[in-house]
Amino acid sequence: MDQAKVQQILDWPPPRNLKALQSFLGFANFYRRFIKNYSKKISSLTSFLKKDSCFTLNEEALKTDASGYALGAVLRQISDSGKHPIAFARRKIIPEDLN
């Protein structure tokens, strides 16, 4: 497995709007054959694609954390069986972030 490509996925920014969500889902769909229960895992994200759906990431869907040197985030699907991670993001804090 190419670690540079894995790192690109880990560094993928969480979607902030419908177009970014569509982009992520298009990318993830390409690899669906390698992701067990793919449709179930993304069902809460695809619900945002429906007409008249409001795209908002609430605290339950997006969990973030930061320290003095790095930050991280997890996009989760919430279902009756619990919270399931969909995407991860992390990076080091750079000096410009502290301004």
Protein backbone atom coordinates (compact mmCIF):
# COMPACT_ATOMS: atom_id res chain seq x y z
CA MET A 1 0.00 0.00 0.00
CA ASP A 2 1.38 3.41 -0.98
CA GLN A 3 1.69 5.38 2.27
CA ALA A 4 1.72 8.71 0.41
CA LYS A 5 -1.73 7.95 -0.97
CA VAL A 6 -2.97 6.82 2.43
CA GLN A 7 -1.68 10.11 3.87
CA GLN A 8 -3.62 12.07 1.23
CA ILE A 9 -6.82 10.40 2.40
CA LEU A 10 -6.01 11.08 6.05
CA ASP A 11 -5.36 14.74 5.20
CA TRP A 12 -8.64 15.12 3.27
CA PRO A 13 -10.46 18.13 4.76
CA PRO A 14 -13.95 17.52 6.17
CA PRO A 15 -16.66 18.64 3.72
CA ARG A 16 -17.94 22.16 4.44
CA ASN A 17 -20.52 22.37 1.67
CA LEU A 18 -22.50 20.21 -0.74
CA LYS A 19 -19.90 20.33 -3.52
CA ALA A 20 -17.14 19.19 -1.13
CA LEU A 21 -19.37 16.36 0.11
CA GLN A 22 -20.08 15.26 -3.47
CA SER A 23 -16.36 15.30 -4.19
CA PHE A 24 -15.56 13.15 -1.16
CA LEU A 25 -18.35 10.68 -1.89
CA GLY A 26 -17.24 10.39 -5.52
CA PHE A 27 -13.72 9.60 -4.37
CA ALA A 28 -14.89 7.14 -1.69
CA ASN A 29 -17.25 5.43 -4.15
CA PHE A 30 -14.29 4.45 -6.30
CA TYR A 31 -12.98 2.36 -3.36
CA ARG A 32 -16.32 1.00 -2.17
CA ARG A 33 -15.39 -2.58 -3.05
CA PHE A 34 -12.67 -2.43 -0.37
CA ILE A 35 -14.93 -0.95 2.35
CA LYS A 36 -17.12 -3.42 4.19
CA ASN A 37 -20.75 -2.21 4.49
CA TYR A 38 -19.91 0.89 2.45
CA SER A 39 -23.52 1.89 1.73
CA LYS A 40 -24.48 1.62 5.37
CA LYS A 41 -21.45 3.63 6.47
CA ILE A 42 -22.18 6.55 4.15
CA SER A 43 -25.98 6.59 4.42
CA SER A 44 -26.03 9.60 6.75
CA LEU A 45 -23.82 11.50 4.31
CA THR A 46 -25.86 10.62 1.24
CA SER A 47 -28.99 11.90 2.99
CA PHE A 48 -27.51 15.40 2.54
CA LEU A 49 -27.69 14.90 -1.25
CA LYS A 50 -31.49 14.76 -1.30
CA LYS A 51 -33.37 17.73 -2.71
CA ASP A 52 -34.33 20.30 -0.04
CA SER A 53 -31.84 18.79 2.40
CA CYS A 54 -29.87 21.25 4.51
CA PHE A 55 -26.15 20.47 4.67
CA THR A 56 -24.99 21.08 8.24
CA LEU A 57 -22.39 19.30 10.28
CA ASN A 58 -23.46 19.34 13.91
CA GLU A 59 -21.35 18.40 16.90
CA GLU A 60 -22.67 14.85 16.77
CA ALA A 61 -21.53 14.37 13.17
CA LEU A 62 -18.16 16.10 13.39
CA LYS A 63 -15.89 15.60 16.38
CA THR A 64 -12.73 17.70 16.63
CA ASP A 65 -9.78 17.95 18.99
CA ALA A 66 -6.69 20.15 19.19
CA SER A 67 -3.59 20.58 21.29
CA GLY A 68 -0.78 23.11 21.23
CA TYR A 69 0.90 21.39 18.29
CA ALA A 70 -1.71 19.44 16.28
CA LEU A 71 -5.40 19.05 15.55
CA GLY A 72 -7.64 16.21 14.49
CA ALA A 73 -11.20 15.52 13.41
CA VAL A 74 -13.50 12.56 12.87
CA LEU A 75 -16.60 12.62 10.69
CA ARG A 76 -19.05 10.11 12.17
CA GLN A 77 -22.27 8.45 11.13
CA ILE A 78 -24.72 8.10 13.98
CA SER A 79 -27.08 5.14 13.88
CA ASP A 80 -29.07 3.02 16.30
CA SER A 81 -26.02 0.81 16.80
CA GLY A 82 -23.73 3.71 17.75
CA LYS A 83 -21.28 6.17 16.25
CA HIS A 84 -19.26 4.94 13.27
CA PRO A 85 -16.24 6.81 11.84
CA ILE A 86 -16.51 7.80 8.18
CA ALA A 87 -13.47 10.04 7.66
CA PHE A 88 -10.48 11.24 9.63
CA ALA A 89 -8.38 14.39 9.36
CA ARG A 90 -5.26 15.52 11.21
CA ARG A 91 -2.39 17.94 10.80
CA LYS A 92 0.27 19.84 12.68
CA ILE A 93 -0.46 23.40 13.71
CA ILE A 94 1.67 25.89 11.80
CA PRO A 95 2.60 29.37 13.09
CA GLU A 96 -0.02 31.01 10.85
CA ASP A 97 -2.75 29.06 12.68
CA LEU A 98 -1.83 30.77 15.93
CA ASN A 99 -2.56 34.30 14.65
